[in-house]
Amino acid sequence: MKKTFKSEKIACSNCSNMIKASLEDTFGEIEVNLDTNPKEVTVEINNDEQEKNFKKEMKELGFEIIED
């Protein structure tokens, strides 16, 4: 299931490229929408454990996910 997460720390295409380069091997295709505020990251998430890992990896990159 595709899931969209929000992060205020993503600023530009360089941030987007870093997220994709760092995480696509683990999580598959990642879409980053730079036209929204906060920025949106969409990724295929199959279970709670994978979602937890994705949020952890994003935080380690410096892009903490905003919880609704």
N, C-alpha and C. Protein backbone atom coordinates (compact mmCIF):
# COMPACT_ATOMS: atom_id res chain seq x y z
N MET A 1 0.84 -1.18 0.00
CA MET A 1 0.00 0.00 0.00
C MET A 1 0.89 1.24 0.00
N LYS A 2 0.62 2.16 -0.93
CA LYS A 2 1.38 3.40 -0.94
C LYS A 2 0.94 4.26 0.23
N LYS A 3 1.93 4.86 0.88
CA LYS A 3 1.64 5.70 2.04
C LYS A 3 2.45 6.99 1.91
N THR A 4 1.83 8.11 2.28
CA THR A 4 2.49 9.41 2.18
C THR A 4 2.80 9.93 3.57
N PHE A 5 4.04 10.37 3.74
CA PHE A 5 4.51 10.93 5.00
C PHE A 5 4.90 12.38 4.77
N LYS A 6 4.85 13.18 5.82
CA LYS A 6 5.21 14.60 5.72
C LYS A 6 6.45 14.90 6.54
N SER A 7 7.29 15.79 6.01
CA SER A 7 8.50 16.21 6.72
C SER A 7 8.79 17.66 6.39
N GLU A 8 9.02 18.48 7.41
CA GLU A 8 9.31 19.90 7.21
C GLU A 8 10.77 20.14 6.85
N LYS A 9 11.63 19.19 7.07
CA LYS A 9 13.08 19.39 6.90
C LYS A 9 13.55 19.25 5.46
N ILE A 10 12.73 18.69 4.58
CA ILE A 10 13.12 18.52 3.17
C ILE A 10 13.03 19.88 2.49
N ALA A 11 14.14 20.37 1.94
CA ALA A 11 14.17 21.73 1.41
C ALA A 11 14.26 21.81 -0.11
N CYS A 12 14.92 20.84 -0.75
CA CYS A 12 15.21 21.03 -2.18
C CYS A 12 15.41 19.69 -2.87
N SER A 13 15.73 19.76 -4.16
CA SER A 13 15.93 18.53 -4.92
C SER A 13 17.13 17.73 -4.43
N ASN A 14 18.13 18.41 -3.86
CA ASN A 14 19.27 17.67 -3.29
C ASN A 14 18.82 16.79 -2.13
N CYS A 15 17.93 17.31 -1.29
CA CYS A 15 17.38 16.51 -0.18
C CYS A 15 16.61 15.31 -0.75
N SER A 16 15.80 15.58 -1.76
CA SER A 16 15.02 14.53 -2.40
C SER A 16 15.93 13.45 -2.97
N ASN A 17 16.98 13.85 -3.66
CA ASN A 17 17.91 12.90 -4.26
C ASN A 17 18.63 12.07 -3.20
N MET A 18 18.98 12.70 -2.07
CA MET A 18 19.64 11.97 -0.99
C MET A 18 18.71 10.91 -0.40
N ILE A 19 17.45 11.27 -0.18
CA ILE A 19 16.47 10.32 0.35
C ILE A 19 16.35 9.12 -0.59
N LYS A 20 16.18 9.41 -1.87
CA LYS A 20 16.02 8.33 -2.86
C LYS A 20 17.27 7.46 -2.93
N ALA A 21 18.43 8.07 -3.01
CA ALA A 21 19.68 7.31 -3.12
C ALA A 21 19.91 6.45 -1.89
N SER A 22 19.54 6.95 -0.73
CA SER A 22 19.80 6.24 0.52
C SER A 22 18.78 5.13 0.79
N LEU A 23 17.53 5.32 0.38
CA LEU A 23 16.47 4.43 0.84
C LEU A 23 15.81 3.57 -0.23
N GLU A 24 15.99 3.89 -1.52
CA GLU A 24 15.27 3.12 -2.54
C GLU A 24 15.71 1.67 -2.62
N ASP A 25 16.96 1.35 -2.28
CA ASP A 25 17.39 -0.05 -2.29
C ASP A 25 16.61 -0.87 -1.27
N THR A 26 16.25 -0.24 -0.16
CA THR A 26 15.53 -0.94 0.91
C THR A 26 14.02 -0.89 0.73
N PHE A 27 13.50 0.28 0.32
CA PHE A 27 12.04 0.50 0.32
C PHE A 27 11.41 0.58 -1.07
N GLY A 28 12.20 0.45 -2.13
CA GLY A 28 11.64 0.55 -3.48
C GLY A 28 11.49 2.02 -3.89
N GLU A 29 10.69 2.23 -4.92
CA GLU A 29 10.53 3.57 -5.48
C GLU A 29 9.97 4.55 -4.44
N ILE A 30 10.60 5.71 -4.37
CA ILE A 30 10.19 6.75 -3.44
C ILE A 30 9.89 8.01 -4.24
N GLU A 31 8.73 8.61 -3.98
CA GLU A 31 8.35 9.86 -4.62
C GLU A 31 8.43 10.97 -3.58
N VAL A 32 9.07 12.09 -3.95
CA VAL A 32 9.15 13.24 -3.05
C VAL A 32 8.47 14.42 -3.73
N ASN A 33 7.44 14.96 -3.10
CA ASN A 33 6.71 16.11 -3.64
C ASN A 33 7.25 17.37 -2.99
N LEU A 34 8.00 18.16 -3.78
CA LEU A 34 8.59 19.40 -3.28
C LEU A 34 7.65 20.59 -3.42
N ASP A 35 6.45 20.36 -4.00
CA ASP A 35 5.50 21.45 -4.23
C ASP A 35 4.55 21.67 -3.06
N THR A 36 4.62 20.84 -2.05
CA THR A 36 3.75 20.99 -0.89
C THR A 36 4.54 21.51 0.30
N ASN A 37 3.84 21.99 1.28
CA ASN A 37 4.50 22.43 2.51
C ASN A 37 3.64 21.99 3.69
N PRO A 38 4.07 21.06 4.54
CA PRO A 38 5.38 20.40 4.49
C PRO A 38 5.50 19.47 3.28
N LYS A 39 6.74 19.14 2.93
CA LYS A 39 7.03 18.26 1.81
C LYS A 39 6.49 16.86 2.08
N GLU A 40 6.13 16.16 1.01
CA GLU A 40 5.55 14.83 1.14
C GLU A 40 6.44 13.77 0.49
N VAL A 41 6.56 12.65 1.19
CA VAL A 41 7.32 11.50 0.69
C VAL A 41 6.36 10.33 0.61
N THR A 42 6.24 9.74 -0.59
CA THR A 42 5.33 8.62 -0.80
C THR A 42 6.15 7.37 -1.10
N VAL A 43 5.80 6.30 -0.39
CA VAL A 43 6.56 5.05 -0.51
C VAL A 43 5.60 3.88 -0.31
N GLU A 44 5.95 2.74 -0.88
CA GLU A 44 5.17 1.51 -0.71
C GLU A 44 5.50 0.92 0.66
N ILE A 45 4.48 0.82 1.53
CA ILE A 45 4.65 0.27 2.88
C ILE A 45 3.75 -0.95 3.00
N ASN A 46 4.33 -2.09 3.38
CA ASN A 46 3.57 -3.33 3.43
C ASN A 46 3.13 -3.76 4.83
N ASN A 47 3.80 -3.24 5.86
CA ASN A 47 3.41 -3.62 7.22
C ASN A 47 3.93 -2.58 8.22
N ASP A 48 3.50 -2.71 9.46
CA ASP A 48 3.86 -1.76 10.52
C ASP A 48 5.36 -1.72 10.76
N GLU A 49 6.01 -2.87 10.69
CA GLU A 49 7.46 -2.95 10.93
C GLU A 49 8.21 -2.16 9.86
N GLN A 50 7.80 -2.31 8.61
CA GLN A 50 8.44 -1.58 7.52
C GLN A 50 8.22 -0.07 7.68
N GLU A 51 7.02 0.33 8.10
CA GLU A 51 6.75 1.75 8.33
C GLU A 51 7.64 2.30 9.44
N LYS A 52 7.78 1.55 10.51
CA LYS A 52 8.64 1.95 11.63
C LYS A 52 10.09 2.13 11.15
N ASN A 53 10.56 1.18 10.35
CA ASN A 53 11.92 1.25 9.83
C ASN A 53 12.11 2.44 8.90
N PHE A 54 11.11 2.72 8.06
CA PHE A 54 11.19 3.86 7.15
C PHE A 54 11.31 5.17 7.94
N LYS A 55 10.47 5.33 8.94
CA LYS A 55 10.51 6.55 9.77
C LYS A 55 11.86 6.68 10.47
N LYS A 56 12.40 5.56 10.96
CA LYS A 56 13.70 5.57 11.63
C LYS A 56 14.80 5.97 10.66
N GLU A 57 14.79 5.39 9.46
CA GLU A 57 15.81 5.71 8.46
C GLU A 57 15.71 7.18 8.04
N MET A 58 14.50 7.70 7.88
CA MET A 58 14.32 9.11 7.51
C MET A 58 14.89 10.01 8.61
N LYS A 59 14.62 9.66 9.86
CA LYS A 59 15.13 10.46 10.99
C LYS A 59 16.66 10.45 11.00
N GLU A 60 17.25 9.28 10.73
CA GLU A 60 18.71 9.18 10.71
C GLU A 60 19.32 10.04 9.60
N LEU A 61 18.56 10.25 8.51
CA LEU A 61 19.03 11.12 7.43
C LEU A 61 18.82 12.61 7.77
N GLY A 62 18.08 12.87 8.85
CA GLY A 62 17.82 14.26 9.26
C GLY A 62 16.47 14.78 8.83
N PHE A 63 15.58 13.89 8.35
CA PHE A 63 14.25 14.28 7.89
C PHE A 63 13.19 13.59 8.74
N GLU A 64 12.96 14.12 9.92
CA GLU A 64 11.98 13.50 10.81
C GLU A 64 10.58 13.60 10.23
N ILE A 65 9.82 12.52 10.34
CA ILE A 65 8.46 12.47 9.85
C ILE A 65 7.53 13.15 10.85
N ILE A 66 6.63 14.00 10.33
CA ILE A 66 5.64 14.67 11.18
C ILE A 66 4.49 13.70 11.41
N GLU A 67 4.18 13.47 12.67
CA GLU A 67 3.06 12.58 13.01
C GLU A 67 1.78 13.41 13.05
N ASP A 68 0.73 12.89 12.42
CA ASP A 68 -0.56 13.61 12.40
C ASP A 68 -1.22 13.58 13.75
